[in-house]
Amino acid sequence: MSNAHELVRGHKRLLSLIEHALSEGWNVSRTPGGHLKFVKPGLPPIYTSATASDHRAERNARAMLRRAQRHATTAEHPVQEGADYD
């Protein structure tokens, strides 16, 4: 696995996203097409552009990572019908 600085390749806006993902346990790599691939065991891979021109691209990618983790957590602990949660 590469470190965050190698994955950035001149796109400094991506550094905080990659560091955040690594700290949350995601493995980050580049695809042959230059996109970033975020992988975490038990979750589907997430892809994002490495050269996003939108100023919200980093926030959108972080949101995708959070949603994937939240979805996996709720799938592990589904709400049971008729259960008393009081």
PDB file of N, CA and C in Angstrom:
ATOM      1  N   MET A   1       0.840  -1.179   0.000  1.00  0.00           N
ATOM      2  CA  MET A   1       0.000   0.000   0.000  1.00  0.00           C
ATOM      3  C   MET A   1       0.884   1.239   0.000  1.00  0.00           C
ATOM      4  N   SER A   2       0.515   2.211  -0.780  1.00  0.00           N
ATOM      5  CA  SER A   2       1.252   3.464  -0.860  1.00  0.00           C
ATOM      6  C   SER A   2       0.857   4.366   0.295  1.00  0.00           C
ATOM      7  N   ASN A   3       1.743   5.321   0.581  1.00  0.00           N
ATOM      8  CA  ASN A   3       1.357   6.289   1.606  1.00  0.00           C
ATOM      9  C   ASN A   3       0.567   7.420   0.966  1.00  0.00           C
ATOM     10  N   ALA A   4       0.000   8.267   1.808  1.00  0.00           N
ATOM     11  CA  ALA A   4      -0.905   9.319   1.326  1.00  0.00           C
ATOM     12  C   ALA A   4      -0.210  10.267   0.349  1.00  0.00           C
ATOM     13  N   HIS A   5       1.034  10.615   0.607  1.00  0.00           N
ATOM     14  CA  HIS A   5       1.735  11.569  -0.255  1.00  0.00           C
ATOM     15  C   HIS A   5       1.991  10.997  -1.651  1.00  0.00           C
ATOM     16  N   GLU A   6       2.234   9.693  -1.747  1.00  0.00           N
ATOM     17  CA  GLU A   6       2.431   9.066  -3.057  1.00  0.00           C
ATOM     18  C   GLU A   6       1.119   9.021  -3.841  1.00  0.00           C
ATOM     19  N   LEU A   7      -0.003   8.827  -3.136  1.00  0.00           N
ATOM     20  CA  LEU A   7      -1.297   8.739  -3.803  1.00  0.00           C
ATOM     21  C   LEU A   7      -1.799  10.089  -4.297  1.00  0.00           C
ATOM     22  N   VAL A   8      -1.374  11.164  -3.658  1.00  0.00           N
ATOM     23  CA  VAL A   8      -1.845  12.504  -4.013  1.00  0.00           C
ATOM     24  C   VAL A   8      -1.364  12.907  -5.395  1.00  0.00           C
ATOM     25  N   ARG A   9      -0.128  12.641  -5.708  1.00  0.00           N
ATOM     26  CA  ARG A   9       0.475  12.951  -7.021  1.00  0.00           C
ATOM     27  C   ARG A   9       0.183  14.375  -7.488  1.00  0.00           C
ATOM     28  N   GLY A  10       0.445  15.342  -6.631  1.00  0.00           N
ATOM     29  CA  GLY A  10       0.295  16.730  -7.014  1.00  0.00           C
ATOM     30  C   GLY A  10      -1.083  17.329  -6.791  1.00  0.00           C
ATOM     31  N   HIS A  11      -2.029  16.540  -6.353  1.00  0.00           N
ATOM     32  CA  HIS A  11      -3.381  17.039  -6.101  1.00  0.00           C
ATOM     33  C   HIS A  11      -3.561  17.170  -4.589  1.00  0.00           C
ATOM     34  N   LYS A  12      -3.044  18.268  -4.045  1.00  0.00           N
ATOM     35  CA  LYS A  12      -2.985  18.436  -2.592  1.00  0.00           C
ATOM     36  C   LYS A  12      -4.353  18.438  -1.924  1.00  0.00           C
ATOM     37  N   ARG A  13      -5.406  18.752  -2.678  1.00  0.00           N
ATOM     38  CA  ARG A  13      -6.747  18.731  -2.090  1.00  0.00           C
ATOM     39  C   ARG A  13      -7.135  17.331  -1.626  1.00  0.00           C
ATOM     40  N   LEU A  14      -6.515  16.311  -2.200  1.00  0.00           N
ATOM     41  CA  LEU A  14      -6.849  14.932  -1.857  1.00  0.00           C
ATOM     42  C   LEU A  14      -6.162  14.443  -0.591  1.00  0.00           C
ATOM     43  N   LEU A  15      -5.137  15.136  -0.148  1.00  0.00           N
ATOM     44  CA  LEU A  15      -4.339  14.646   0.971  1.00  0.00           C
ATOM     45  C   LEU A  15      -5.176  14.418   2.223  1.00  0.00           C
ATOM     46  N   SER A  16      -6.010  15.371   2.603  1.00  0.00           N
ATOM     47  CA  SER A  16      -6.787  15.197   3.827  1.00  0.00           C
ATOM     48  C   SER A  16      -7.810  14.068   3.678  1.00  0.00           C
ATOM     49  N   LEU A  17      -8.382  13.889   2.482  1.00  0.00           N
ATOM     50  CA  LEU A  17      -9.315  12.793   2.247  1.00  0.00           C
ATOM     51  C   LEU A  17      -8.614  11.447   2.416  1.00  0.00           C
ATOM     52  N   ILE A  18      -7.450  11.304   1.816  1.00  0.00           N
ATOM     53  CA  ILE A  18      -6.711  10.044   1.892  1.00  0.00           C
ATOM     54  C   ILE A  18      -6.270   9.768   3.326  1.00  0.00           C
ATOM     55  N   GLU A  19      -5.767  10.783   4.013  1.00  0.00           N
ATOM     56  CA  GLU A  19      -5.360  10.592   5.407  1.00  0.00           C
ATOM     57  C   GLU A  19      -6.544  10.202   6.279  1.00  0.00           C
ATOM     58  N   HIS A  20      -7.704  10.823   6.038  1.00  0.00           N
ATOM     59  CA  HIS A  20      -8.916  10.477   6.792  1.00  0.00           C
ATOM     60  C   HIS A  20      -9.294   9.018   6.550  1.00  0.00           C
ATOM     61  N   ALA A  21      -9.302   8.606   5.291  1.00  0.00           N
ATOM     62  CA  ALA A  21      -9.676   7.235   4.950  1.00  0.00           C
ATOM     63  C   ALA A  21      -8.714   6.230   5.583  1.00  0.00           C
ATOM     64  N   LEU A  22      -7.430   6.509   5.523  1.00  0.00           N
ATOM     65  CA  LEU A  22      -6.448   5.607   6.116  1.00  0.00           C
ATOM     66  C   LEU A  22      -6.639   5.506   7.629  1.00  0.00           C
ATOM     67  N   SER A  23      -6.951   6.621   8.268  1.00  0.00           N
ATOM     68  CA  SER A  23      -7.147   6.605   9.725  1.00  0.00           C
ATOM     69  C   SER A  23      -8.419   5.848  10.112  1.00  0.00           C
ATOM     70  N   GLU A  24      -9.384   5.749   9.187  1.00  0.00           N
ATOM     71  CA  GLU A  24     -10.631   5.027   9.437  1.00  0.00           C
ATOM     72  C   GLU A  24     -10.530   3.548   9.036  1.00  0.00           C
ATOM     73  N   GLY A  25      -9.348   3.110   8.617  1.00  0.00           N
ATOM     74  CA  GLY A  25      -9.147   1.697   8.295  1.00  0.00           C
ATOM     75  C   GLY A  25      -9.358   1.321   6.839  1.00  0.00           C
ATOM     76  N   TRP A  26      -9.510   2.304   5.957  1.00  0.00           N
ATOM     77  CA  TRP A  26      -9.669   2.018   4.538  1.00  0.00           C
ATOM     78  C   TRP A  26      -8.301   1.826   3.900  1.00  0.00           C
ATOM     79  N   ASN A  27      -8.217   0.951   2.911  1.00  0.00           N
ATOM     80  CA  ASN A  27      -7.021   0.830   2.080  1.00  0.00           C
ATOM     81  C   ASN A  27      -7.269   1.683   0.841  1.00  0.00           C
ATOM     82  N   VAL A  28      -6.296   2.493   0.474  1.00  0.00           N
ATOM     83  CA  VAL A  28      -6.455   3.406  -0.655  1.00  0.00           C
ATOM     84  C   VAL A  28      -5.427   3.060  -1.715  1.00  0.00           C
ATOM     85  N   SER A  29      -5.892   2.972  -2.963  1.00  0.00           N
ATOM     86  CA  SER A  29      -4.969   2.707  -4.072  1.00  0.00           C
ATOM     87  C   SER A  29      -5.470   3.464  -5.291  1.00  0.00           C
ATOM     88  N   ARG A  30      -4.638   3.503  -6.310  1.00  0.00           N
ATOM     89  CA  ARG A  30      -5.015   4.130  -7.577  1.00  0.00           C
ATOM     90  C   ARG A  30      -5.366   3.043  -8.576  1.00  0.00           C
ATOM     91  N   THR A  31      -6.374   3.305  -9.366  1.00  0.00           N
ATOM     92  CA  THR A  31      -6.743   2.378 -10.433  1.00  0.00           C
ATOM     93  C   THR A  31      -5.851   2.664 -11.642  1.00  0.00           C
ATOM     94  N   PRO A  32      -5.819   1.763 -12.625  1.00  0.00           N
ATOM     95  CA  PRO A  32      -5.026   2.039 -13.827  1.00  0.00           C
ATOM     96  C   PRO A  32      -5.467   3.320 -14.550  1.00  0.00           C
ATOM     97  N   GLY A  33      -6.741   3.707 -14.356  1.00  0.00           N
ATOM     98  CA  GLY A  33      -7.248   4.915 -14.987  1.00  0.00           C
ATOM     99  C   GLY A  33      -6.981   6.181 -14.185  1.00  0.00           C
ATOM    100  N   GLY A  34      -6.345   6.032 -13.026  1.00  0.00           N
ATOM    101  CA  GLY A  34      -5.987   7.196 -12.224  1.00  0.00           C
ATOM    102  C   GLY A  34      -6.980   7.579 -11.141  1.00  0.00           C
ATOM    103  N   HIS A  35      -8.072   6.837 -11.001  1.00  0.00           N
ATOM    104  CA  HIS A  35      -9.034   7.128  -9.950  1.00  0.00           C
ATOM    105  C   HIS A  35      -8.524   6.573  -8.622  1.00  0.00           C
ATOM    106  N   LEU A  36      -9.113   7.032  -7.541  1.00  0.00           N
ATOM    107  CA  LEU A  36      -8.784   6.494  -6.228  1.00  0.00           C
ATOM    108  C   LEU A  36      -9.791   5.412  -5.870  1.00  0.00           C
ATOM    109  N   LYS A  37      -9.281   4.329  -5.318  1.00  0.00           N
ATOM    110  CA  LYS A  37     -10.129   3.207  -4.914  1.00  0.00           C
ATOM    111  C   LYS A  37      -9.963   3.025  -3.409  1.00  0.00           C
ATOM    112  N   PHE A  38     -11.086   3.086  -2.694  1.00  0.00           N
ATOM    113  CA  PHE A  38     -11.098   2.906  -1.249  1.00  0.00           C
ATOM    114  C   PHE A  38     -11.714   1.542  -0.959  1.00  0.00           C
ATOM    115  N   VAL A  39     -10.985   0.700  -0.213  1.00  0.00           N
ATOM    116  CA  VAL A  39     -11.442  -0.653   0.080  1.00  0.00           C
ATOM    117  C   VAL A  39     -11.332  -0.896   1.576  1.00  0.00           C
ATOM    118  N   LYS A  40     -12.389  -1.499   2.129  1.00  0.00           N
ATOM    119  CA  LYS A  40     -12.392  -1.895   3.536  1.00  0.00           C
ATOM    120  C   LYS A  40     -13.079  -3.253   3.599  1.00  0.00           C
ATOM    121  N   PRO A  41     -12.503  -4.218   4.306  1.00  0.00           N
ATOM    122  CA  PRO A  41     -13.098  -5.557   4.359  1.00  0.00           C
ATOM    123  C   PRO A  41     -14.567  -5.513   4.777  1.00  0.00           C
ATOM    124  N   GLY A  42     -15.382  -6.247   4.044  1.00  0.00           N
ATOM    125  CA  GLY A  42     -16.798  -6.330   4.348  1.00  0.00           C
ATOM    126  C   GLY A  42     -17.643  -5.232   3.736  1.00  0.00           C
ATOM    127  N   LEU A  43     -17.003  -4.289   3.034  1.00  0.00           N
ATOM    128  CA  LEU A  43     -17.730  -3.180   2.418  1.00  0.00           C
ATOM    129  C   LEU A  43     -17.435  -3.147   0.922  1.00  0.00           C
ATOM    130  N   PRO A  44     -18.366  -2.631   0.123  1.00  0.00           N
ATOM    131  CA  PRO A  44     -18.081  -2.521  -1.311  1.00  0.00           C
ATOM    132  C   PRO A  44     -17.024  -1.448  -1.561  1.00  0.00           C
ATOM    133  N   PRO A  45     -16.224  -1.602  -2.608  1.00  0.00           N
ATOM    134  CA  PRO A  45     -15.214  -0.579  -2.899  1.00  0.00           C
ATOM    135  C   PRO A  45     -15.869   0.733  -3.321  1.00  0.00           C
ATOM    136  N   ILE A  46     -15.190   1.823  -3.025  1.00  0.00           N
ATOM    137  CA  ILE A  46     -15.671   3.151  -3.398  1.00  0.00           C
ATOM    138  C   ILE A  46     -14.621   3.783  -4.287  1.00  0.00           C
ATOM    139  N   TYR A  47     -15.066   4.349  -5.402  1.00  0.00           N
ATOM    140  CA  TYR A  47     -14.172   4.992  -6.358  1.00  0.00           C
ATOM    141  C   TYR A  47     -14.477   6.475  -6.413  1.00  0.00           C
ATOM    142  N   THR A  48     -13.423   7.270  -6.561  1.00  0.00           N
ATOM    143  CA  THR A  48     -13.603   8.702  -6.746  1.00  0.00           C
ATOM    144  C   THR A  48     -12.516   9.223  -7.674  1.00  0.00           C
ATOM    145  N   SER A  49     -12.802  10.334  -8.302  1.00  0.00           N
ATOM    146  CA  SER A  49     -11.841  10.937  -9.212  1.00  0.00           C
ATOM    147  C   SER A  49     -10.651  11.485  -8.444  1.00  0.00           C
ATOM    148  N   ALA A  50      -9.482  11.345  -9.016  1.00  0.00           N
ATOM    149  CA  ALA A  50      -8.278  11.887  -8.387  1.00  0.00           C
ATOM    150  C   ALA A  50      -8.021  13.315  -8.834  1.00  0.00           C
ATOM    151  N   THR A  51      -8.780  13.789  -9.813  1.00  0.00           N
ATOM    152  CA  THR A  51      -8.578  15.147 -10.325  1.00  0.00           C
ATOM    153  C   THR A  51      -9.893  15.910 -10.330  1.00  0.00           C
ATOM    154  N   ALA A  52     -10.651  15.767  -9.284  1.00  0.00           N
ATOM    155  CA  ALA A  52     -11.968  16.411  -9.240  1.00  0.00           C
ATOM    156  C   ALA A  52     -11.838  17.924  -9.314  1.00  0.00           C
ATOM    157  N   SER A  53     -12.656  18.529 -10.163  1.00  0.00           N
ATOM    158  CA  SER A  53     -12.615  19.979 -10.296  1.00  0.00           C
ATOM    159  C   SER A  53     -13.636  20.651  -9.376  1.00  0.00           C
ATOM    160  N   ASP A  54     -14.596  19.895  -8.897  1.00  0.00           N
ATOM    161  CA  ASP A  54     -15.623  20.436  -8.012  1.00  0.00           C
ATOM    162  C   ASP A  54     -15.037  20.658  -6.622  1.00  0.00           C
ATOM    163  N   HIS A  55     -15.294  21.821  -6.054  1.00  0.00           N
ATOM    164  CA  HIS A  55     -14.740  22.122  -4.736  1.00  0.00           C
ATOM    165  C   HIS A  55     -15.362  21.265  -3.637  1.00  0.00           C
ATOM    166  N   ARG A  56     -16.484  20.597  -3.924  1.00  0.00           N
ATOM    167  CA  ARG A  56     -17.130  19.741  -2.930  1.00  0.00           C
ATOM    168  C   ARG A  56     -16.753  18.263  -3.100  1.00  0.00           C
ATOM    169  N   ALA A  57     -15.892  17.951  -4.004  1.00  0.00           N
ATOM    170  CA  ALA A  57     -15.564  16.559  -4.298  1.00  0.00           C
ATOM    171  C   ALA A  57     -15.025  15.828  -3.077  1.00  0.00           C
ATOM    172  N   GLU A  58     -14.161  16.476  -2.310  1.00  0.00           N
ATOM    173  CA  GLU A  58     -13.611  15.822  -1.114  1.00  0.00           C
ATOM    174  C   GLU A  58     -14.714  15.522  -0.113  1.00  0.00           C
ATOM    175  N   ARG A  59     -15.595  16.495   0.119  1.00  0.00           N
ATOM    176  CA  ARG A  59     -16.695  16.282   1.070  1.00  0.00           C
ATOM    177  C   ARG A  59     -17.635  15.184   0.589  1.00  0.00           C
ATOM    178  N   ASN A  60     -17.896  15.155  -0.695  1.00  0.00           N
ATOM    179  CA  ASN A  60     -18.769  14.109  -1.236  1.00  0.00           C
ATOM    180  C   ASN A  60     -18.142  12.729  -1.064  1.00  0.00           C
ATOM    181  N   ALA A  61     -16.839  12.615  -1.282  1.00  0.00           N
ATOM    182  CA  ALA A  61     -16.153  11.337  -1.114  1.00  0.00           C
ATOM    183  C   ALA A  61     -16.170  10.912   0.352  1.00  0.00           C
ATOM    184  N   ARG A  62     -15.938  11.855   1.266  1.00  0.00           N
ATOM    185  CA  ARG A  62     -16.018  11.522   2.705  1.00  0.00           C
ATOM    186  C   ARG A  62     -17.412  11.030   3.069  1.00  0.00           C
ATOM    187  N   ALA A  63     -18.422  11.666   2.512  1.00  0.00           N
ATOM    188  CA  ALA A  63     -19.799  11.263   2.784  1.00  0.00           C
ATOM    189  C   ALA A  63     -20.053   9.842   2.277  1.00  0.00           C
ATOM    190  N   MET A  64     -19.504   9.495   1.111  1.00  0.00           N
ATOM    191  CA  MET A  64     -19.664   8.138   0.589  1.00  0.00           C
ATOM    192  C   MET A  64     -19.024   7.117   1.521  1.00  0.00           C
ATOM    193  N   LEU A  65     -17.843   7.445   2.060  1.00  0.00           N
ATOM    194  CA  LEU A  65     -17.170   6.536   2.986  1.00  0.00           C
ATOM    195  C   LEU A  65     -17.999   6.356   4.255  1.00  0.00           C
ATOM    196  N   ARG A  66     -18.526   7.468   4.792  1.00  0.00           N
ATOM    197  CA  ARG A  66     -19.354   7.387   6.007  1.00  0.00           C
ATOM    198  C   ARG A  66     -20.616   6.566   5.768  1.00  0.00           C
ATOM    199  N   ARG A  67     -21.268   6.804   4.631  1.00  0.00           N
ATOM    200  CA  ARG A  67     -22.495   6.060   4.330  1.00  0.00           C
ATOM    201  C   ARG A  67     -22.226   4.568   4.190  1.00  0.00           C
ATOM    202  N   ALA A  68     -21.119   4.206   3.561  1.00  0.00           N
ATOM    203  CA  ALA A  68     -20.784   2.788   3.402  1.00  0.00           C
ATOM    204  C   ALA A  68     -20.585   2.134   4.763  1.00  0.00           C
ATOM    205  N   GLN A  69     -19.870   2.812   5.648  1.00  0.00           N
ATOM    206  CA  GLN A  69     -19.645   2.263   6.989  1.00  0.00           C
ATOM    207  C   GLN A  69     -20.952   2.177   7.764  1.00  0.00           C
ATOM    208  N   ARG A  70     -21.779   3.223   7.679  1.00  0.00           N
ATOM    209  CA  ARG A  70     -23.050   3.233   8.404  1.00  0.00           C
ATOM    210  C   ARG A  70     -23.960   2.128   7.890  1.00  0.00           C
ATOM    211  N   HIS A  71     -23.986   1.936   6.572  1.00  0.00           N
ATOM    212  CA  HIS A  71     -24.815   0.887   5.986  1.00  0.00           C
ATOM    213  C   HIS A  71     -24.361  -0.489   6.474  1.00  0.00           C
ATOM    214  N   ALA A  72     -23.064  -0.700   6.556  1.00  0.00           N
ATOM    215  CA  ALA A  72     -22.537  -1.986   7.018  1.00  0.00           C
ATOM    216  C   ALA A  72     -22.885  -2.211   8.482  1.00  0.00           C
ATOM    217  N   THR A  73     -22.855  -1.148   9.286  1.00  0.00           N
ATOM    218  CA  THR A  73     -23.173  -1.263  10.708  1.00  0.00           C
ATOM    219  C   THR A  73     -24.642  -1.611  10.895  1.00  0.00           C
ATOM    220  N   THR A  74     -25.516  -0.961  10.150  1.00  0.00           N
ATOM    221  CA  THR A  74     -26.943  -1.256  10.288  1.00  0.00           C
ATOM    222  C   THR A  74     -27.277  -2.635   9.743  1.00  0.00           C
ATOM    223  N   ALA A  75     -26.524  -3.113   8.756  1.00  0.00           N
ATOM    224  CA  ALA A  75     -26.749  -4.457   8.225  1.00  0.00           C
ATOM    225  C   ALA A  75     -26.346  -5.513   9.239  1.00  0.00           C
ATOM    226  N   GLU A  76     -25.340  -5.212  10.063  1.00  0.00           N
ATOM    227  CA  GLU A  76     -24.898  -6.149  11.094  1.00  0.00           C
ATOM    228  C   GLU A  76     -25.887  -6.222  12.243  1.00  0.00           C
ATOM    229  N   HIS A  77     -26.581  -5.126  12.508  1.00  0.00           N
ATOM    230  CA  HIS A  77     -27.505  -5.031  13.633  1.00  0.00           C
ATOM    231  C   HIS A  77     -28.870  -4.569  13.153  1.00  0.00           C
ATOM    232  N   PRO A  78     -29.580  -5.418  12.409  1.00  0.00           N
ATOM    233  CA  PRO A  78     -30.887  -4.989  11.898  1.00  0.00           C
ATOM    234  C   PRO A  78     -31.907  -4.830  13.026  1.00  0.00           C
ATOM    235  N   VAL A  79     -32.836  -3.925  12.827  1.00  0.00           N
ATOM    236  CA  VAL A  79     -33.914  -3.720  13.790  1.00  0.00           C
ATOM    237  C   VAL A  79     -34.906  -4.862  13.618  1.00  0.00           C
ATOM    238  N   GLN A  80     -35.248  -5.512  14.722  1.00  0.00           N
ATOM    239  CA  GLN A  80     -36.181  -6.628  14.653  1.00  0.00           C
ATOM    240  C   GLN A  80     -37.595  -6.129  14.868  1.00  0.00           C
ATOM    241  N   GLU A  81     -38.495  -6.608  14.030  1.00  0.00           N
ATOM    242  CA  GLU A  81     -39.893  -6.218  14.169  1.00  0.00           C
ATOM    243  C   GLU A  81     -40.458  -6.775  15.454  1.00  0.00           C
ATOM    244  N   GLY A  82     -41.199  -5.956  16.164  1.00  0.00           N
ATOM    245  CA  GLY A  82     -41.862  -6.394  17.385  1.00  0.00           C
ATOM    246  C   GLY A  82     -40.957  -6.460  18.604  1.00  0.00           C
ATOM    247  N   ALA A  83     -39.678  -6.117  18.446  1.00  0.00           N
ATOM    248  CA  ALA A  83     -38.761  -6.162  19.586  1.00  0.00           C
ATOM    249  C   ALA A  83     -38.990  -4.944  20.470  1.00  0.00           C
ATOM    250  N   ASP A  84     -38.804  -5.119  21.751  1.00  0.00           N
ATOM    251  CA  ASP A  84     -38.983  -4.028  22.705  1.00  0.00           C
ATOM    252  C   ASP A  84     -37.626  -3.389  22.965  1.00  0.00           C
ATOM    253  N   TYR A  85     -37.415  -2.165  22.445  1.00  0.00           N
ATOM    254  CA  TYR A  85     -36.138  -1.468  22.574  1.00  0.00           C
ATOM    255  C   TYR A  85     -36.145  -0.421  23.664  1.00  0.00           C
ATOM    256  N   ASP A  86     -37.111  -0.460  24.578  1.00  0.00           N
ATOM    257  CA  ASP A  86     -37.165   0.552  25.650  1.00  0.00           C
ATOM    258  C   ASP A  86     -36.154   0.290  26.717  1.00  0.00           C
TER     259      ASP A  86
END
